[in-house]
């Protein structure tokens, strides 16, 4: 997940004008990173995030301290599919953990 988020950040930064890098090199880098990101979307959405969504609640709760920051990062990626699944995980797995204890 972190690798995907890092590649998304590279793409988001590349949209901002700032570089001393030659235009051809920058374009080649952007194209390669876009290709990698698009290739990761089905894996992230259909395998990783869905798998986390389907974890038993007790197991998810044991790892939420590590997962929550990653889910926060995934809320700003360009893929609507990934963002939608992250929303589902937050609603179905994280929200129940926010209930006040009796």
N, C-alpha and C. Protein backbone atom coordinates (compact mmCIF):
# COMPACT_ATOMS: atom_id res chain seq x y z
N UNK A 1 0.83 -1.20 0.00
CA UNK A 1 0.00 0.00 0.00
C UNK A 1 0.87 1.26 0.00
N UNK A 2 1.91 1.23 0.81
CA UNK A 2 2.75 2.42 0.89
C UNK A 2 3.45 2.70 -0.44
N UNK A 3 3.85 1.67 -1.15
CA UNK A 3 4.48 1.83 -2.45
C UNK A 3 3.52 2.52 -3.42
N UNK A 4 2.27 2.09 -3.42
CA UNK A 4 1.25 2.70 -4.28
C UNK A 4 1.07 4.17 -3.92
N UNK A 5 0.97 4.46 -2.64
CA UNK A 5 0.80 5.84 -2.18
C UNK A 5 2.00 6.70 -2.61
N UNK A 6 3.20 6.15 -2.48
CA UNK A 6 4.40 6.89 -2.87
C UNK A 6 4.39 7.22 -4.36
N UNK A 7 3.98 6.27 -5.19
CA UNK A 7 3.92 6.51 -6.63
C UNK A 7 2.86 7.55 -6.97
N UNK A 8 1.74 7.52 -6.26
CA UNK A 8 0.71 8.53 -6.46
C UNK A 8 1.25 9.92 -6.12
N UNK A 9 2.02 10.01 -5.06
CA UNK A 9 2.61 11.31 -4.67
C UNK A 9 3.55 11.82 -5.75
N UNK A 10 4.33 10.91 -6.33
CA UNK A 10 5.22 11.32 -7.42
C UNK A 10 4.41 11.92 -8.55
N UNK A 11 3.31 11.28 -8.90
CA UNK A 11 2.46 11.81 -9.98
C UNK A 11 1.87 13.16 -9.61
N UNK A 12 1.41 13.29 -8.39
CA UNK A 12 0.81 14.56 -7.97
C UNK A 12 1.84 15.68 -7.96
N UNK A 13 3.06 15.38 -7.53
CA UNK A 13 4.12 16.39 -7.54
C UNK A 13 4.54 16.74 -8.96
N UNK A 14 4.48 15.78 -9.85
CA UNK A 14 4.92 16.02 -11.23
C UNK A 14 3.99 16.97 -11.96
N UNK A 15 2.78 17.15 -11.46
CA UNK A 15 1.83 18.07 -12.09
C UNK A 15 2.16 19.52 -11.75
N UNK A 16 2.98 19.72 -10.74
CA UNK A 16 3.37 21.07 -10.35
C UNK A 16 4.62 21.49 -11.12
N UNK A 17 4.63 22.69 -11.67
CA UNK A 17 5.84 23.15 -12.35
C UNK A 17 6.92 23.50 -11.33
N UNK A 18 8.15 22.98 -11.51
CA UNK A 18 9.21 23.32 -10.58
C UNK A 18 10.57 22.79 -10.99
N UNK A 19 10.64 21.89 -11.89
CA UNK A 19 11.83 21.09 -12.07
C UNK A 19 12.89 21.71 -12.96
N UNK A 20 14.14 21.36 -12.65
CA UNK A 20 15.27 21.73 -13.49
C UNK A 20 15.51 20.58 -14.48
N UNK A 21 14.90 19.44 -14.18
CA UNK A 21 15.02 18.24 -15.00
C UNK A 21 14.55 18.54 -16.43
N UNK A 22 15.19 17.93 -17.40
CA UNK A 22 14.78 18.18 -18.78
C UNK A 22 13.36 17.69 -19.00
N UNK A 23 12.65 18.34 -19.89
CA UNK A 23 11.25 18.02 -20.16
C UNK A 23 11.08 16.59 -20.62
N UNK A 24 11.97 16.10 -21.49
CA UNK A 24 11.86 14.72 -21.99
C UNK A 24 12.04 13.72 -20.86
N UNK A 25 13.02 13.94 -19.99
CA UNK A 25 13.24 13.03 -18.86
C UNK A 25 12.05 13.04 -17.92
N UNK A 26 11.51 14.22 -17.67
CA UNK A 26 10.37 14.34 -16.77
C UNK A 26 9.16 13.63 -17.36
N UNK A 27 8.91 13.81 -18.65
CA UNK A 27 7.78 13.15 -19.30
C UNK A 27 7.94 11.64 -19.27
N UNK A 28 9.14 11.14 -19.51
CA UNK A 28 9.39 9.70 -19.48
C UNK A 28 9.15 9.13 -18.09
N UNK A 29 9.58 9.86 -17.09
CA UNK A 29 9.38 9.42 -15.70
C UNK A 29 7.90 9.39 -15.37
N UNK A 30 7.18 10.41 -15.76
CA UNK A 30 5.75 10.49 -15.48
C UNK A 30 5.01 9.34 -16.15
N UNK A 31 5.33 9.08 -17.41
CA UNK A 31 4.67 8.00 -18.14
C UNK A 31 4.92 6.66 -17.46
N UNK A 32 6.15 6.43 -17.04
CA UNK A 32 6.48 5.16 -16.38
C UNK A 32 5.75 5.02 -15.04
N UNK A 33 5.73 6.07 -14.26
CA UNK A 33 5.05 6.01 -12.96
C UNK A 33 3.55 5.85 -13.15
N UNK A 34 2.97 6.54 -14.12
CA UNK A 34 1.53 6.37 -14.41
C UNK A 34 1.23 4.92 -14.78
N UNK A 35 2.09 4.32 -15.59
CA UNK A 35 1.90 2.93 -15.99
C UNK A 35 1.93 2.02 -14.76
N UNK A 36 2.89 2.25 -13.88
CA UNK A 36 2.99 1.45 -12.65
C UNK A 36 1.76 1.63 -11.77
N UNK A 37 1.33 2.88 -11.60
CA UNK A 37 0.16 3.16 -10.75
C UNK A 37 -1.08 2.49 -11.32
N UNK A 38 -1.31 2.63 -12.61
CA UNK A 38 -2.49 2.01 -13.23
C UNK A 38 -2.44 0.49 -13.12
N UNK A 39 -1.25 -0.08 -13.18
CA UNK A 39 -1.10 -1.52 -13.01
C UNK A 39 -1.38 -1.98 -11.58
N UNK A 40 -1.12 -1.11 -10.62
CA UNK A 40 -1.34 -1.46 -9.21
C UNK A 40 -2.79 -1.31 -8.78
N UNK A 41 -3.57 -0.48 -9.46
CA UNK A 41 -4.96 -0.21 -9.03
C UNK A 41 -5.77 -1.49 -8.85
N UNK A 42 -5.81 -2.42 -9.81
CA UNK A 42 -6.62 -3.62 -9.59
C UNK A 42 -6.12 -4.46 -8.42
N UNK A 43 -4.82 -4.51 -8.23
CA UNK A 43 -4.27 -5.29 -7.11
C UNK A 43 -4.64 -4.64 -5.79
N UNK A 44 -4.47 -3.33 -5.71
CA UNK A 44 -4.80 -2.61 -4.47
C UNK A 44 -6.28 -2.72 -4.16
N UNK A 45 -7.13 -2.48 -5.16
CA UNK A 45 -8.57 -2.44 -4.90
C UNK A 45 -9.18 -3.83 -4.76
N UNK A 46 -8.90 -4.72 -5.71
CA UNK A 46 -9.59 -6.02 -5.73
C UNK A 46 -8.99 -7.04 -4.77
N UNK A 47 -7.74 -6.87 -4.41
CA UNK A 47 -7.10 -7.86 -3.54
C UNK A 47 -6.83 -7.29 -2.16
N UNK A 48 -6.02 -6.24 -2.09
CA UNK A 48 -5.55 -5.76 -0.79
C UNK A 48 -6.68 -5.11 0.02
N UNK A 49 -7.30 -4.08 -0.53
CA UNK A 49 -8.32 -3.36 0.24
C UNK A 49 -9.54 -4.24 0.50
N UNK A 50 -9.98 -4.99 -0.50
CA UNK A 50 -11.12 -5.90 -0.27
C UNK A 50 -10.77 -6.95 0.77
N UNK A 51 -9.54 -7.44 0.74
CA UNK A 51 -9.11 -8.41 1.76
C UNK A 51 -9.14 -7.82 3.15
N UNK A 52 -8.70 -6.59 3.28
CA UNK A 52 -8.73 -5.92 4.59
C UNK A 52 -10.17 -5.65 5.03
N UNK A 53 -11.01 -5.33 4.07
CA UNK A 53 -12.43 -5.09 4.37
C UNK A 53 -13.10 -6.35 4.91
N UNK A 54 -12.66 -7.50 4.40
CA UNK A 54 -13.29 -8.77 4.78
C UNK A 54 -12.63 -9.45 5.98
N UNK A 55 -11.63 -8.82 6.57
CA UNK A 55 -11.00 -9.41 7.76
C UNK A 55 -12.02 -9.52 8.89
N UNK A 56 -11.89 -10.55 9.72
CA UNK A 56 -12.74 -10.60 10.92
C UNK A 56 -12.48 -9.35 11.76
N UNK A 57 -13.54 -8.77 12.31
CA UNK A 57 -13.39 -7.51 13.06
C UNK A 57 -12.31 -7.54 14.15
N UNK A 58 -12.18 -8.63 14.87
CA UNK A 58 -11.18 -8.69 15.95
C UNK A 58 -9.76 -8.63 15.37
N UNK A 59 -9.54 -9.30 14.25
CA UNK A 59 -8.23 -9.27 13.62
C UNK A 59 -7.93 -7.88 13.06
N UNK A 60 -8.93 -7.26 12.45
CA UNK A 60 -8.76 -5.89 11.94
C UNK A 60 -8.41 -4.95 13.09
N UNK A 61 -9.11 -5.10 14.19
CA UNK A 61 -8.88 -4.23 15.34
C UNK A 61 -7.44 -4.34 15.85
N UNK A 62 -6.86 -5.52 15.78
CA UNK A 62 -5.48 -5.71 16.24
C UNK A 62 -4.48 -4.93 15.39
N UNK A 63 -4.84 -4.67 14.14
CA UNK A 63 -3.91 -4.02 13.22
C UNK A 63 -4.34 -2.62 12.79
N UNK A 64 -5.42 -2.12 13.34
CA UNK A 64 -5.94 -0.82 12.91
C UNK A 64 -4.95 0.31 13.12
N UNK A 65 -4.11 0.22 14.13
CA UNK A 65 -3.13 1.29 14.39
C UNK A 65 -2.12 1.42 13.25
N UNK A 66 -1.88 0.34 12.51
CA UNK A 66 -0.98 0.39 11.35
C UNK A 66 -1.76 0.72 10.08
N UNK A 67 -2.96 0.18 9.97
CA UNK A 67 -3.76 0.34 8.75
C UNK A 67 -4.38 1.72 8.59
N UNK A 68 -4.82 2.31 9.68
CA UNK A 68 -5.54 3.59 9.57
C UNK A 68 -4.73 4.68 8.87
N UNK A 69 -3.46 4.88 9.22
CA UNK A 69 -2.69 5.91 8.49
C UNK A 69 -2.59 5.61 6.98
N UNK A 70 -2.48 4.33 6.62
CA UNK A 70 -2.44 3.97 5.20
C UNK A 70 -3.77 4.28 4.51
N UNK A 71 -4.87 3.99 5.19
CA UNK A 71 -6.18 4.32 4.62
C UNK A 71 -6.32 5.83 4.43
N UNK A 72 -5.81 6.59 5.37
CA UNK A 72 -5.86 8.05 5.23
C UNK A 72 -5.10 8.48 3.98
N UNK A 73 -3.95 7.90 3.73
CA UNK A 73 -3.17 8.21 2.54
C UNK A 73 -3.93 7.84 1.27
N UNK A 74 -4.66 6.72 1.31
CA UNK A 74 -5.39 6.25 0.14
C UNK A 74 -6.62 7.10 -0.19
N UNK A 75 -7.03 7.95 0.73
CA UNK A 75 -8.20 8.79 0.44
C UNK A 75 -7.91 9.88 -0.58
N UNK A 76 -6.64 10.13 -0.88
CA UNK A 76 -6.31 11.20 -1.83
C UNK A 76 -5.70 10.68 -3.13
N UNK A 77 -5.74 9.37 -3.35
CA UNK A 77 -5.20 8.84 -4.61
C UNK A 77 -6.16 9.18 -5.75
N UNK A 78 -5.68 9.07 -6.96
CA UNK A 78 -6.50 9.46 -8.11
C UNK A 78 -7.57 8.43 -8.47
N UNK A 79 -7.40 7.19 -8.09
CA UNK A 79 -8.35 6.14 -8.46
C UNK A 79 -9.62 6.21 -7.62
N UNK A 80 -10.74 6.47 -8.30
CA UNK A 80 -12.03 6.49 -7.61
C UNK A 80 -12.36 5.12 -7.02
N UNK A 81 -11.97 4.07 -7.74
CA UNK A 81 -12.23 2.70 -7.28
C UNK A 81 -11.55 2.44 -5.93
N UNK A 82 -10.31 2.84 -5.81
CA UNK A 82 -9.57 2.64 -4.56
C UNK A 82 -10.19 3.49 -3.46
N UNK A 83 -10.48 4.76 -3.76
CA UNK A 83 -11.07 5.65 -2.74
C UNK A 83 -12.42 5.12 -2.25
N UNK A 84 -13.22 4.59 -3.16
CA UNK A 84 -14.54 4.05 -2.78
C UNK A 84 -14.42 2.85 -1.86
N UNK A 85 -13.47 1.97 -2.17
CA UNK A 85 -13.28 0.80 -1.30
C UNK A 85 -12.72 1.20 0.06
N UNK A 86 -11.85 2.18 0.07
CA UNK A 86 -11.32 2.67 1.36
C UNK A 86 -12.46 3.24 2.20
N UNK A 87 -13.35 3.95 1.56
CA UNK A 87 -14.53 4.49 2.26
C UNK A 87 -15.33 3.35 2.90
N UNK A 88 -15.54 2.27 2.14
CA UNK A 88 -16.28 1.12 2.67
C UNK A 88 -15.56 0.52 3.88
N UNK A 89 -14.25 0.39 3.80
CA UNK A 89 -13.49 -0.15 4.93
C UNK A 89 -13.63 0.75 6.15
N UNK A 90 -13.51 2.05 5.92
CA UNK A 90 -13.63 2.98 7.05
C UNK A 90 -15.01 2.88 7.69
N UNK A 91 -16.04 2.76 6.87
CA UNK A 91 -17.39 2.67 7.42
C UNK A 91 -17.67 1.32 8.09
N UNK A 92 -17.19 0.25 7.49
CA UNK A 92 -17.54 -1.09 7.99
C UNK A 92 -16.59 -1.61 9.06
N UNK A 93 -15.32 -1.23 8.99
CA UNK A 93 -14.36 -1.79 9.94
C UNK A 93 -13.90 -0.78 11.00
N UNK A 94 -13.68 0.46 10.59
CA UNK A 94 -13.13 1.45 11.53
C UNK A 94 -14.24 2.10 12.35
N UNK A 95 -15.33 2.49 11.72
CA UNK A 95 -16.41 3.18 12.44
C UNK A 95 -16.90 2.41 13.67
N UNK A 96 -17.10 1.09 13.58
CA UNK A 96 -17.54 0.38 14.78
C UNK A 96 -16.55 0.47 15.95
N UNK A 97 -15.28 0.69 15.64
CA UNK A 97 -14.28 0.81 16.71
C UNK A 97 -14.35 2.16 17.41
N UNK A 98 -15.07 3.10 16.82
CA UNK A 98 -15.16 4.45 17.39
C UNK A 98 -16.32 4.60 18.37
N UNK A 99 -17.11 3.56 18.53
CA UNK A 99 -18.23 3.63 19.48
C UNK A 99 -17.68 3.76 20.90
N UNK A 100 -18.34 4.58 21.70
CA UNK A 100 -17.89 4.68 23.09
C UNK A 100 -18.16 3.36 23.81
N UNK A 101 -17.24 2.96 24.65
CA UNK A 101 -17.44 1.70 25.38
C UNK A 101 -18.43 1.93 26.52
N UNK A 102 -19.24 0.90 26.80
CA UNK A 102 -20.27 1.06 27.86
C UNK A 102 -19.70 1.14 29.25
